[in-house]
Protein backbone atom coordinates (compact mmCIF):
# COMPACT_ATOMS: atom_id res chain seq x y z
CA MET A 1 19.98 -35.09 39.59
CA SER A 2 16.32 -35.70 38.84
CA ALA A 3 14.82 -35.74 35.36
CA SER A 4 12.57 -32.82 36.24
CA ALA A 5 15.59 -30.61 37.05
CA ALA A 6 17.02 -30.75 33.53
CA PRO A 7 15.49 -28.33 31.00
CA SER A 8 13.71 -29.91 28.08
CA ALA A 9 14.96 -29.45 24.54
CA SER A 10 11.80 -27.52 23.64
CA SER A 11 12.24 -25.08 26.54
CA ILE A 12 15.85 -24.45 25.52
CA CYS A 13 14.77 -23.92 21.93
CA CYS A 14 11.99 -21.51 22.93
CA ALA A 15 14.28 -19.56 25.28
CA SER A 16 16.89 -19.33 22.53
CA SER A 17 14.26 -18.14 20.07
CA ARG A 18 13.02 -15.48 22.52
CA GLN A 19 16.58 -14.27 23.14
CA ARG A 20 17.20 -14.05 19.40
CA ALA A 21 13.96 -12.08 18.94
CA ARG A 22 14.93 -9.68 21.74
CA ARG A 23 18.38 -9.12 20.21
CA HIS A 24 16.78 -8.49 16.82
CA ALA A 25 14.28 -6.10 18.40
CA ALA A 26 17.06 -4.21 20.24
CA THR A 27 18.95 -3.80 16.97
CA TYR A 28 15.78 -2.59 15.27
CA LEU A 29 15.14 -0.14 18.13
CA ARG A 30 18.62 1.37 17.68
CA LYS A 31 18.04 1.79 13.92
CA VAL A 32 14.64 3.44 14.39
CA ILE A 33 15.98 5.80 17.07
CA ALA A 34 19.04 6.74 14.98
CA SER A 35 16.78 7.55 12.04
CA LEU A 36 14.44 9.59 14.23
CA GLU A 37 17.34 11.59 15.68
CA THR A 38 18.34 12.79 12.23
CA THR A 39 14.87 13.63 10.96
CA PRO A 40 15.00 17.02 9.23
CA ALA A 41 13.00 19.96 10.52
CA GLY A 42 9.36 19.90 9.49
CA GLY A 43 8.89 16.15 9.81
CA PRO A 44 9.87 15.10 13.34
CA ASN A 45 6.32 14.73 14.71
CA ASP A 46 5.20 12.42 11.89
CA ALA A 47 8.48 10.52 12.15
CA LEU A 48 8.03 10.19 15.93
CA ASN A 49 4.50 8.85 15.50
CA HIS A 50 5.63 6.32 12.91
CA ALA A 51 8.61 5.22 15.03
CA ALA A 52 6.37 4.77 18.09
CA TRP A 53 3.83 2.82 16.03
CA THR A 54 6.52 0.56 14.57
CA LEU A 55 8.16 -0.13 17.92
CA GLY A 56 4.77 -0.74 19.53
CA HIS A 57 4.50 -3.97 17.52
CA TRP A 58 7.67 -5.23 19.18
CA VAL A 59 6.52 -4.13 22.65
CA ALA A 60 3.21 -5.95 22.15
CA ALA A 61 5.07 -9.14 21.27
CA GLY A 62 7.18 -8.88 24.43
CA ALA A 63 10.49 -8.32 22.64
CA LEU A 64 10.94 -4.74 23.89
CA ASP A 65 10.11 -3.04 27.19
CA GLN A 66 7.55 -0.25 26.81
CA GLY A 67 9.25 2.03 29.33
CA GLU A 68 12.61 1.71 27.58
CA VAL A 69 10.99 2.40 24.21
CA GLU A 70 9.20 5.49 25.55
CA GLU A 71 12.44 6.83 27.04
CA ALA A 72 14.39 6.19 23.83
CA LEU A 73 11.73 7.86 21.70
CA PHE A 74 11.59 10.91 23.98
CA ALA A 75 15.39 11.22 24.05
CA ALA A 76 15.46 11.08 20.24
CA ALA A 77 12.74 13.74 20.11
CA GLU A 78 14.88 15.94 22.35
CA ARG A 79 17.90 15.46 20.10
CA ASN A 80 16.02 16.25 16.88
CA GLY A 81 14.56 19.42 18.39
CA LEU A 82 10.93 18.34 18.62
CA VAL A 83 10.65 18.78 22.40
CA GLY A 84 12.12 22.29 22.24
CA ASP A 85 9.94 23.33 19.30
CA PRO A 86 7.31 25.83 20.53
CA LYS A 87 4.75 24.32 18.16
CA ASP A 88 5.23 20.79 19.47
CA GLY A 89 6.82 20.92 22.90
CA LEU A 90 6.78 18.50 25.78
CA ARG A 91 3.04 17.70 25.96
CA LYS A 92 2.57 17.12 22.24
CA THR A 93 5.73 14.99 22.11
CA TRP A 94 4.47 12.67 24.85
CA ALA A 95 1.00 12.58 23.29
CA THR A 96 2.52 11.52 19.97
CA ILE A 97 4.65 8.81 21.60
CA ARG A 98 1.67 7.39 23.48
CA SER A 99 -0.64 7.57 20.48
CA GLY A 100 1.82 5.81 18.18
CA LEU A 101 2.66 3.15 20.73
CA SER A 102 -0.99 2.56 21.51
CA ALA A 103 -1.75 1.91 17.84
CA GLY A 104 1.28 -0.37 17.48
CA LEU A 105 0.37 -2.34 20.59
CA ARG A 106 -2.83 -3.48 18.88
CA GLN A 107 -0.79 -5.44 16.30
CA PRO A 108 1.97 -7.54 17.89
CA ILE A 109 4.67 -8.68 15.54
CA ASP A 110 4.93 -12.45 14.99
CA LEU A 111 8.31 -13.27 16.51
CA ASP A 112 8.28 -16.71 14.92
CA ALA A 113 7.84 -15.41 11.37
CA ASP A 114 10.82 -15.39 9.03
CA ASP A 115 10.23 -11.77 8.02
CA GLN A 116 9.79 -9.87 11.27
CA ARG A 117 8.72 -6.52 9.84
CA PRO A 118 5.25 -5.42 11.02
CA ALA A 119 2.35 -5.03 8.63
CA ARG A 120 2.18 -1.64 6.95
CA ARG A 121 -0.54 0.82 7.85
CA ARG A 122 -3.65 0.69 5.76
CA GLY A 123 -3.59 3.10 2.87
CA VAL A 124 0.21 3.36 2.82
CA ARG A 125 1.72 1.60 -0.12
CA ARG A 126 5.22 1.41 -1.39
CA ARG A 127 5.63 2.33 -4.96
CA SER A 128 7.48 -0.20 -6.99
CA PRO A 129 10.16 1.12 -9.32
CA ARG A 130 8.92 1.49 -12.85
CA SER A 131 10.62 -0.73 -15.34
CA SER A 132 12.09 0.94 -18.42
């Protein structure tokens, strides 16, 4: 067996890190889709856009496949009634998915960072609980 045939420690480490990131991304995808499926009436389009934007970060980093994400988002939109809604429908649903993903793709998540949540959108701030 030649020395060049054996994988280097750094290549094993990087492959392991990529696999871990993909598993983490797949878990995150399932959570986002489950949340989207249960979005109450009146908010599914905004929720779909946000979900697509969030998952776009992971697609841009190579941790999720764009086609799989698009299919999962569309299936969730069918289950929450967005696709069948006369106001939204098929065309608007796909437009929302593509718009959200497109925006998310511009900001890949750093798979090597300890905290793998993507940066929040500008102008959206979390309110901290007020202390008594």
